[in-house]
């Protein structure tokens, strides 16, 4: 996997923190409007930096996991858009559909966060044995 620069890594981590803050803020109803924009800014930063990462190898498992990660990034951004639509009462998303998209994306991100390093380790170990 291609590594991110220091600035990109900071933006990646900042995006993750903003998403977390934005997802928690609706617990206080008066902060929901701000939460939508904070979450969406975080999702854009996190998603864009995740899309900057590349896998140049030929391992089919890593290619599949990378595709899943890209899908999750788009779902995180879509959840932010749905959240803004909910806050501004824009059809068709006026309920909590954004939370469903967020949960699906979080599950995929969590899965790939553990599987990608394991696959890279396995690939490196098999390369050393050859």
C-alpha atoms as a PDB file:
ATOM      1  CA  UNK A   1       0.000   0.000   0.000  1.00  0.00           C
ATOM      2  CA  UNK A   2       1.196   3.477  -0.838  1.00  0.00           C
ATOM      3  CA  UNK A   3       1.775   5.477   2.343  1.00  0.00           C
ATOM      4  CA  UNK A   4       0.252   8.893   2.952  1.00  0.00           C
ATOM      5  CA  UNK A   5       2.400  11.973   3.485  1.00  0.00           C
ATOM      6  CA  UNK A   6       2.502  13.509   6.966  1.00  0.00           C
ATOM      7  CA  UNK A   7      -0.031  16.207   6.012  1.00  0.00           C
ATOM      8  CA  UNK A   8      -2.351  13.614   4.463  1.00  0.00           C
ATOM      9  CA  UNK A   9      -2.082  11.433   7.585  1.00  0.00           C
ATOM     10  CA  UNK A  10      -3.017  14.407   9.779  1.00  0.00           C
ATOM     11  CA  UNK A  11      -5.978  15.222   7.527  1.00  0.00           C
ATOM     12  CA  UNK A  12      -7.012  11.529   7.569  1.00  0.00           C
ATOM     13  CA  UNK A  13      -6.959  11.414  11.386  1.00  0.00           C
ATOM     14  CA  UNK A  14      -8.651  14.813  11.706  1.00  0.00           C
ATOM     15  CA  UNK A  15     -11.416  13.599   9.381  1.00  0.00           C
ATOM     16  CA  UNK A  16     -11.959  10.541  11.552  1.00  0.00           C
ATOM     17  CA  UNK A  17     -12.194  12.662  14.706  1.00  0.00           C
ATOM     18  CA  UNK A  18     -14.609  15.118  13.044  1.00  0.00           C
ATOM     19  CA  UNK A  19     -16.822  12.232  11.906  1.00  0.00           C
ATOM     20  CA  UNK A  20     -16.904  10.846  15.438  1.00  0.00           C
ATOM     21  CA  UNK A  21     -17.751  14.239  16.941  1.00  0.00           C
ATOM     22  CA  UNK A  22     -20.393  14.882  14.275  1.00  0.00           C
ATOM     23  CA  UNK A  23     -21.987  11.473  14.828  1.00  0.00           C
ATOM     24  CA  UNK A  24     -22.144  11.961  18.613  1.00  0.00           C
ATOM     25  CA  UNK A  25     -23.400  15.570  18.626  1.00  0.00           C
ATOM     26  CA  UNK A  26     -27.034  14.719  17.658  1.00  0.00           C
ATOM     27  CA  UNK A  27     -27.467  13.315  21.167  1.00  0.00           C
ATOM     28  CA  UNK A  28     -27.983  16.969  22.094  1.00  0.00           C
ATOM     29  CA  UNK A  29     -30.847  18.010  19.754  1.00  0.00           C
ATOM     30  CA  UNK A  30     -29.830  21.679  19.684  1.00  0.00           C
ATOM     31  CA  UNK A  31     -26.478  20.734  18.103  1.00  0.00           C
ATOM     32  CA  UNK A  32     -27.857  18.565  15.283  1.00  0.00           C
ATOM     33  CA  UNK A  33     -27.548  21.256  12.613  1.00  0.00           C
ATOM     34  CA  UNK A  34     -23.875  21.820  13.377  1.00  0.00           C
ATOM     35  CA  UNK A  35     -23.296  18.080  13.695  1.00  0.00           C
ATOM     36  CA  UNK A  36     -24.363  17.450  10.107  1.00  0.00           C
ATOM     37  CA  UNK A  37     -21.778  19.837   8.716  1.00  0.00           C
ATOM     38  CA  UNK A  38     -19.019  18.714  11.080  1.00  0.00           C
ATOM     39  CA  UNK A  39     -19.654  15.068  10.212  1.00  0.00           C
ATOM     40  CA  UNK A  40     -19.741  15.781   6.471  1.00  0.00           C
ATOM     41  CA  UNK A  41     -16.474  17.761   6.560  1.00  0.00           C
ATOM     42  CA  UNK A  42     -14.869  14.884   8.445  1.00  0.00           C
ATOM     43  CA  UNK A  43     -16.253  12.306   6.015  1.00  0.00           C
ATOM     44  CA  UNK A  44     -14.943  14.276   3.038  1.00  0.00           C
ATOM     45  CA  UNK A  45     -11.474  14.609   4.571  1.00  0.00           C
ATOM     46  CA  UNK A  46     -11.337  10.968   5.672  1.00  0.00           C
ATOM     47  CA  UNK A  47     -12.769   9.613   2.426  1.00  0.00           C
ATOM     48  CA  UNK A  48     -10.556  11.703   0.169  1.00  0.00           C
ATOM     49  CA  UNK A  49      -7.412  10.702   2.040  1.00  0.00           C
ATOM     50  CA  UNK A  50      -8.448   7.064   1.972  1.00  0.00           C
ATOM     51  CA  UNK A  51      -8.926   7.304  -1.781  1.00  0.00           C
ATOM     52  CA  UNK A  52      -5.363   8.666  -2.059  1.00  0.00           C
ATOM     53  CA  UNK A  53      -3.950   5.359  -0.835  1.00  0.00           C
ATOM     54  CA  UNK A  54      -3.068   2.878  -3.572  1.00  0.00           C
ATOM     55  CA  UNK A  55      -2.310  -0.812  -3.845  1.00  0.00           C
ATOM     56  CA  UNK A  56      -0.027  -1.614  -6.766  1.00  0.00           C
ATOM     57  CA  UNK A  57       0.318  -5.377  -6.224  1.00  0.00           C
ATOM     58  CA  UNK A  58      -1.494  -8.346  -7.717  1.00  0.00           C
ATOM     59  CA  UNK A  59      -2.861 -10.039  -4.591  1.00  0.00           C
ATOM     60  CA  UNK A  60      -6.587 -10.604  -5.337  1.00  0.00           C
ATOM     61  CA  UNK A  61      -7.531 -10.525  -1.651  1.00  0.00           C
ATOM     62  CA  UNK A  62      -5.918  -7.108  -1.164  1.00  0.00           C
ATOM     63  CA  UNK A  63      -7.498  -5.793  -4.360  1.00  0.00           C
ATOM     64  CA  UNK A  64     -10.927  -6.935  -3.099  1.00  0.00           C
ATOM     65  CA  UNK A  65     -10.358  -5.424   0.350  1.00  0.00           C
ATOM     66  CA  UNK A  66      -9.223  -2.158  -1.213  1.00  0.00           C
ATOM     67  CA  UNK A  67     -12.413  -2.025  -3.301  1.00  0.00           C
ATOM     68  CA  UNK A  68     -14.466  -2.597  -0.174  1.00  0.00           C
ATOM     69  CA  UNK A  69     -12.624   0.261   1.504  1.00  0.00           C
ATOM     70  CA  UNK A  70     -13.441   2.560  -1.422  1.00  0.00           C
ATOM     71  CA  UNK A  71     -17.129   1.601  -1.208  1.00  0.00           C
ATOM     72  CA  UNK A  72     -17.087   2.360   2.525  1.00  0.00           C
ATOM     73  CA  UNK A  73     -15.525   5.777   1.840  1.00  0.00           C
ATOM     74  CA  UNK A  74     -18.315   6.644  -0.567  1.00  0.00           C
ATOM     75  CA  UNK A  75     -20.901   5.406   1.960  1.00  0.00           C
ATOM     76  CA  UNK A  76     -19.413   7.661   4.651  1.00  0.00           C
ATOM     77  CA  UNK A  77     -19.683  10.654   2.329  1.00  0.00           C
ATOM     78  CA  UNK A  78     -23.210   9.630   1.284  1.00  0.00           C
ATOM     79  CA  UNK A  79     -24.167   9.399   4.967  1.00  0.00           C
ATOM     80  CA  UNK A  80     -22.988  12.979   5.423  1.00  0.00           C
ATOM     81  CA  UNK A  81     -25.065  14.159   2.479  1.00  0.00           C
ATOM     82  CA  UNK A  82     -28.119  12.316   3.838  1.00  0.00           C
ATOM     83  CA  UNK A  83     -27.490  13.868   7.269  1.00  0.00           C
ATOM     84  CA  UNK A  84     -27.469  17.370   5.755  1.00  0.00           C
ATOM     85  CA  UNK A  85     -30.644  16.535   3.818  1.00  0.00           C
ATOM     86  CA  UNK A  86     -32.300  15.429   7.055  1.00  0.00           C
ATOM     87  CA  UNK A  87     -31.304  18.589   8.925  1.00  0.00           C
ATOM     88  CA  UNK A  88     -32.491  20.857   6.095  1.00  0.00           C
ATOM     89  CA  UNK A  89     -35.684  18.829   5.429  1.00  0.00           C
ATOM     90  CA  UNK A  90     -34.737  18.045   1.836  1.00  0.00           C
ATOM     91  CA  UNK A  91     -36.521  15.087   0.208  1.00  0.00           C
ATOM     92  CA  UNK A  92     -36.089  12.117  -0.064  1.00  0.00           C
ATOM     93  CA  UNK A  93     -33.957  11.691   3.089  1.00  0.00           C
ATOM     94  CA  UNK A  94     -35.776  13.296   5.995  1.00  0.00           C
ATOM     95  CA  UNK A  95     -35.268  10.578   8.607  1.00  0.00           C
ATOM     96  CA  UNK A  96     -32.349   8.727  10.046  1.00  0.00           C
ATOM     97  CA  UNK A  97     -31.322   6.871   6.893  1.00  0.00           C
ATOM     98  CA  UNK A  98     -27.876   8.425   7.244  1.00  0.00           C
ATOM     99  CA  UNK A  99     -27.328   6.287  10.353  1.00  0.00           C
ATOM    100  CA  UNK A 100     -27.909   3.097   8.349  1.00  0.00           C
ATOM    101  CA  UNK A 101     -25.328   4.159   5.754  1.00  0.00           C
ATOM    102  CA  UNK A 102     -22.929   5.101   8.558  1.00  0.00           C
ATOM    103  CA  UNK A 103     -23.331   1.723  10.266  1.00  0.00           C
ATOM    104  CA  UNK A 104     -22.727  -0.199   7.033  1.00  0.00           C
ATOM    105  CA  UNK A 105     -19.665   1.911   6.218  1.00  0.00           C
ATOM    106  CA  UNK A 106     -18.312   1.560   9.767  1.00  0.00           C
ATOM    107  CA  UNK A 107     -18.664  -2.218   9.602  1.00  0.00           C
ATOM    108  CA  UNK A 108     -16.820  -2.382   6.270  1.00  0.00           C
ATOM    109  CA  UNK A 109     -14.107  -0.005   7.499  1.00  0.00           C
ATOM    110  CA  UNK A 110     -13.622  -2.045  10.668  1.00  0.00           C
ATOM    111  CA  UNK A 111     -13.408  -5.284   8.695  1.00  0.00           C
ATOM    112  CA  UNK A 112     -10.867  -3.919   6.214  1.00  0.00           C
ATOM    113  CA  UNK A 113      -8.846  -2.243   8.985  1.00  0.00           C
ATOM    114  CA  UNK A 114      -8.034  -5.676  10.392  1.00  0.00           C
ATOM    115  CA  UNK A 115      -7.906  -7.721   7.198  1.00  0.00           C
ATOM    116  CA  UNK A 116      -5.623  -5.506   5.079  1.00  0.00           C
ATOM    117  CA  UNK A 117      -2.675  -5.543   7.525  1.00  0.00           C
ATOM    118  CA  UNK A 118      -3.095  -9.298   7.986  1.00  0.00           C
ATOM    119  CA  UNK A 119      -3.041  -9.844   4.210  1.00  0.00           C
ATOM    120  CA  UNK A 120      -0.012  -7.595   3.781  1.00  0.00           C
ATOM    121  CA  UNK A 121       1.809  -9.513   6.522  1.00  0.00           C
ATOM    122  CA  UNK A 122       0.893 -12.817   4.898  1.00  0.00           C
ATOM    123  CA  UNK A 123       2.043 -11.517   1.494  1.00  0.00           C
ATOM    124  CA  UNK A 124       5.369 -10.334   2.950  1.00  0.00           C
ATOM    125  CA  UNK A 125       5.981 -13.647   4.717  1.00  0.00           C
ATOM    126  CA  UNK A 126       5.240 -15.669   1.571  1.00  0.00           C
ATOM    127  CA  UNK A 127       7.547 -13.377  -0.430  1.00  0.00           C
ATOM    128  CA  UNK A 128      10.404 -13.995   2.014  1.00  0.00           C
ATOM    129  CA  UNK A 129      10.020 -17.757   1.720  1.00  0.00           C
ATOM    130  CA  UNK A 130      10.393 -17.783  -2.059  1.00  0.00           C
END
